[in-house]
Amino acid sequence: MKVAPSLLSADFLNLEQELISIQKAGADFLHLDIMDGHFVPNLTFGPVIIEKIAKASLLPLDIHLMVKNTLFFVDLFAPYKPRFISFHAEEEQHIHRMIQYVKSKGIGASIALNPHTPLECLDYILQDLDMVLIMSVNPGFGGQSFIPQSLEKIKRLKEKISKQNPQCLIQVDGGVNAENIDLLKTAGVDIVVAGSYIFGSKSYSQAIQSLKI
């Protein structure tokens, strides 16, 4: 299991030290939640902060766009060469075109699905994806509890991926902790995003290692 700590839960008064700490603790990616106050009722990072983070962190960036106007934000953050950019199926009208556009930038293309969004929206595009991000909480705020119905959704997605695009990864974001990591692994998850579970712990290393099963 790969682990992507969500920087939204970090101590922003000591951001550089937080980046160093999670890197030393064994994190695989750095998950950045980009919220615009329109798609979700919250605001987070802008390009000035992301530019500094990209220079300071040795971890591959994993950018999750929770925004209106997907293309604008892809162009804004593509220069920082993230490993993945995830955008929401609920917002983008021309999903296939956007997938190809992200991939043309040399970036892994990922579709994010809210808890209520059916997997059928991936029909005819799953073959082109590098990753699918399953939201196991409602997007917008950290510290929420895992929605149990997400497990069945993940299992069904794994079946689809196995048949159509075995190289496609499954990422899960929301309420991930040591209590449900075994279930997520069994369901077929490849990467977990964890914010408050890691940054709220006494030992980042122990928290991250508890998810690496």
Protein backbone atom coordinates (compact mmCIF):
# COMPACT_ATOMS: atom_id res chain seq x y z
CA MET A 1 0.00 0.00 0.00
CA LYS A 2 1.27 3.46 -0.94
CA VAL A 3 0.52 6.38 1.39
CA ALA A 4 -0.16 9.98 0.36
CA PRO A 5 -0.41 12.32 3.37
CA SER A 6 -2.87 15.15 2.77
CA LEU A 7 -1.10 18.43 3.43
CA LEU A 8 -4.41 20.09 4.28
CA SER A 9 -4.01 18.73 7.83
CA ALA A 10 -0.41 19.90 8.29
CA ASP A 11 0.85 22.69 10.54
CA PHE A 12 1.16 25.59 8.10
CA LEU A 13 3.24 27.65 10.51
CA ASN A 14 5.92 24.97 10.16
CA LEU A 15 5.24 23.78 6.64
CA GLU A 16 8.81 23.09 5.52
CA GLN A 17 9.48 20.97 8.60
CA GLU A 18 6.22 19.10 8.02
CA LEU A 19 7.33 18.26 4.48
CA ILE A 20 10.66 16.97 5.75
CA SER A 21 9.00 14.96 8.51
CA ILE A 22 6.52 13.06 6.32
CA GLN A 23 9.24 12.34 3.79
CA LYS A 24 11.46 10.84 6.50
CA ALA A 25 8.45 8.96 7.89
CA GLY A 26 8.07 7.00 4.65
CA ALA A 27 5.35 8.80 2.66
CA ASP A 28 5.14 7.87 -1.03
CA PHE A 29 3.29 10.91 -2.39
CA LEU A 30 2.28 14.38 -1.21
CA HIS A 31 -1.47 14.86 -1.63
CA LEU A 32 -2.57 18.44 -2.31
CA ASP A 33 -6.28 19.31 -2.12
CA ILE A 34 -7.03 22.28 -4.37
CA MET A 35 -10.40 23.82 -3.45
CA ASP A 36 -11.84 26.94 -5.06
CA GLY A 37 -14.79 27.78 -2.77
CA HIS A 38 -17.27 26.96 -5.57
CA PHE A 39 -17.19 23.22 -6.25
CA VAL A 40 -16.76 22.72 -2.50
CA PRO A 41 -17.38 25.25 0.31
CA ASN A 42 -13.74 25.70 1.21
CA LEU A 43 -10.58 27.42 -0.04
CA THR A 44 -7.10 25.94 0.18
CA PHE A 45 -3.86 26.35 -1.77
CA GLY A 46 -3.00 28.67 -4.62
CA PRO A 47 -0.10 28.51 -7.08
CA VAL A 48 2.26 30.60 -4.93
CA ILE A 49 2.17 28.03 -2.13
CA ILE A 50 2.26 25.04 -4.51
CA GLU A 51 5.34 26.47 -6.23
CA LYS A 52 7.17 26.65 -2.89
CA ILE A 53 6.00 23.17 -1.91
CA ALA A 54 7.16 21.69 -5.22
CA LYS A 55 10.64 23.13 -4.65
CA ALA A 56 10.85 22.06 -1.01
CA SER A 57 9.47 18.52 -1.25
CA LEU A 58 11.21 15.50 -2.75
CA LEU A 59 7.93 13.55 -2.82
CA PRO A 60 5.93 13.24 -6.05
CA LEU A 61 2.96 15.61 -6.00
CA ASP A 62 -0.56 14.17 -6.15
CA ILE A 63 -2.96 17.02 -6.96
CA HIS A 64 -6.69 16.67 -6.34
CA LEU A 65 -8.75 19.39 -8.02
CA MET A 66 -12.05 20.13 -6.28
CA VAL A 67 -12.86 23.08 -8.51
CA LYS A 68 -14.99 24.61 -11.19
CA ASN A 69 -13.25 25.30 -14.51
CA THR A 70 -10.98 22.25 -14.52
CA LEU A 71 -8.90 23.35 -17.51
CA PHE A 72 -7.86 26.61 -15.84
CA PHE A 73 -6.50 24.76 -12.81
CA VAL A 74 -4.80 22.03 -14.83
CA ASP A 75 -2.89 24.72 -16.71
CA LEU A 76 -2.13 26.47 -13.42
CA PHE A 77 -0.52 23.45 -11.76
CA ALA A 78 0.84 21.39 -14.68
CA PRO A 79 4.17 23.33 -14.70
CA TYR A 80 5.00 21.80 -11.29
CA LYS A 81 4.99 18.32 -12.89
CA PRO A 82 2.80 16.43 -10.42
CA ARG A 83 2.69 12.64 -10.71
CA PHE A 84 -1.14 12.72 -10.84
CA ILE A 85 -3.88 15.26 -11.34
CA SER A 86 -7.35 14.14 -10.29
CA PHE A 87 -10.40 16.06 -11.45
CA HIS A 88 -14.05 15.43 -10.65
CA ALA A 89 -16.40 13.64 -13.01
CA GLU A 90 -19.26 15.64 -11.50
CA GLU A 91 -17.82 18.90 -12.81
CA GLU A 92 -16.10 18.22 -16.13
CA GLN A 93 -18.39 18.00 -19.18
CA HIS A 94 -15.74 16.73 -21.60
CA ILE A 95 -14.04 14.05 -19.52
CA HIS A 96 -12.32 12.15 -22.33
CA ARG A 97 -10.85 15.37 -23.74
CA MET A 98 -9.58 16.44 -20.32
CA ILE A 99 -7.99 13.04 -19.68
CA GLN A 100 -6.06 13.31 -22.93
CA TYR A 101 -5.08 16.90 -22.15
CA VAL A 102 -3.66 15.98 -18.73
CA LYS A 103 -1.76 13.04 -20.21
CA SER A 104 -0.35 15.28 -22.96
CA LYS A 105 1.40 17.23 -20.19
CA GLY A 106 3.21 14.09 -19.06
CA ILE A 107 0.99 13.80 -15.97
CA GLY A 108 -1.03 10.80 -14.81
CA ALA A 109 -4.74 11.40 -15.40
CA SER A 110 -7.17 10.50 -12.64
CA ILE A 111 -10.93 10.83 -12.21
CA ALA A 112 -12.31 11.58 -8.73
CA LEU A 113 -15.77 10.35 -7.77
CA ASN A 114 -17.88 11.71 -4.92
CA PRO A 115 -19.56 9.17 -2.61
CA HIS A 116 -22.90 9.34 -4.47
CA THR A 117 -21.44 9.19 -8.00
CA PRO A 118 -21.98 5.82 -9.72
CA LEU A 119 -19.12 3.92 -11.34
CA GLU A 120 -21.05 3.85 -14.62
CA CYS A 121 -19.70 7.32 -15.39
CA LEU A 122 -16.35 5.63 -16.02
CA ASP A 123 -17.77 3.53 -18.85
CA TYR A 124 -15.88 4.18 -22.10
CA ILE A 125 -13.06 6.11 -20.37
CA LEU A 126 -11.63 3.65 -17.83
CA GLN A 127 -9.19 2.32 -20.41
CA ASP A 128 -7.55 5.76 -20.64
CA LEU A 129 -7.11 6.44 -16.94
CA ASP A 130 -3.98 6.10 -14.83
CA MET A 131 -5.91 6.27 -11.55
CA VAL A 132 -9.40 6.53 -10.06
CA LEU A 133 -9.86 8.43 -6.82
CA ILE A 134 -12.77 7.22 -4.72
CA MET A 135 -13.95 9.78 -2.20
CA SER A 136 -14.98 7.93 0.96
CA VAL A 137 -16.17 11.18 2.56
CA ASN A 138 -17.94 14.18 1.11
CA PRO A 139 -15.24 16.49 -0.25
CA GLY A 140 -14.43 19.86 1.22
CA PHE A 141 -13.18 19.31 4.75
CA GLY A 142 -10.73 17.03 6.56
CA GLY A 143 -11.36 14.92 9.64
CA GLN A 144 -14.56 13.21 8.44
CA SER A 145 -15.52 9.58 9.10
CA PHE A 146 -15.21 6.89 6.43
CA ILE A 147 -18.48 6.11 4.60
CA PRO A 148 -18.90 2.30 4.86
CA GLN A 149 -20.70 1.97 1.50
CA SER A 150 -17.45 3.00 -0.17
CA LEU A 151 -16.05 -0.51 0.30
CA GLU A 152 -18.56 -2.10 -2.06
CA LYS A 153 -17.91 0.64 -4.58
CA ILE A 154 -14.17 -0.02 -4.42
CA LYS A 155 -14.67 -3.76 -4.91
CA ARG A 156 -16.84 -3.17 -7.98
CA LEU A 157 -14.29 -0.72 -9.36
CA LYS A 158 -11.50 -3.27 -8.88
CA GLU A 159 -13.48 -5.80 -10.92
CA LYS A 160 -13.93 -3.29 -13.74
CA ILE A 161 -10.26 -2.32 -13.69
CA SER A 162 -9.11 -5.95 -13.73
CA LYS A 163 -11.07 -6.53 -16.93
CA GLN A 164 -10.51 -3.22 -18.73
CA ASN A 165 -7.27 -1.58 -17.53
CA PRO A 166 -5.19 -3.59 -15.02
CA GLN A 167 -2.55 -0.83 -14.84
CA CYS A 168 -5.03 1.71 -13.47
CA LEU A 169 -4.54 2.47 -9.78
CA ILE A 170 -7.24 2.92 -7.14
CA GLN A 171 -6.81 5.71 -4.60
CA VAL A 172 -9.11 6.30 -1.63
CA ASP A 173 -9.45 9.58 0.26
CA GLY A 174 -11.43 10.15 3.44
CA GLY A 175 -11.48 8.68 6.93
CA VAL A 176 -8.59 6.28 6.29
CA ASN A 177 -6.95 4.86 9.42
CA ALA A 178 -5.47 1.69 10.91
CA GLU A 179 -8.94 0.33 11.69
CA ASN A 180 -10.10 0.16 8.07
CA ILE A 181 -6.82 -0.24 6.16
CA ASP A 182 -7.12 -4.06 6.03
CA LEU A 183 -10.56 -3.78 4.45
CA LEU A 184 -9.28 -1.24 1.92
CA LYS A 185 -6.33 -3.45 1.00
CA THR A 186 -8.59 -6.47 0.53
CA ALA A 187 -10.97 -4.42 -1.62
CA GLY A 188 -8.13 -3.59 -4.02
CA VAL A 189 -6.90 -0.12 -3.05
CA ASP A 190 -3.37 0.85 -4.18
CA ILE A 191 -2.92 4.29 -2.60
CA VAL A 192 -4.54 5.77 0.49
CA VAL A 193 -4.79 9.45 1.33
CA ALA A 194 -4.69 10.30 5.03
CA GLY A 195 -4.65 13.73 6.61
CA SER A 196 -5.68 14.08 10.23
CA TYR A 197 -4.77 10.44 10.96
CA ILE A 198 -1.14 11.19 10.10
CA PHE A 199 -0.69 14.85 11.01
CA GLY A 200 -2.72 14.46 14.19
CA SER A 201 -0.60 11.56 15.41
CA LYS A 202 2.32 11.69 17.85
CA SER A 203 4.51 9.76 15.41
CA TYR A 204 4.16 10.35 11.66
CA SER A 205 6.32 7.32 11.04
CA GLN A 206 4.14 4.97 13.08
CA ALA A 207 0.97 6.34 11.51
CA ILE A 208 2.28 5.95 7.96
CA GLN A 209 3.73 2.50 8.61
CA SER A 210 0.39 1.33 10.06
CA LEU A 211 -1.11 1.98 6.61
CA LYS A 212 1.66 0.29 4.62
CA ILE A 213 0.31 -3.26 4.72
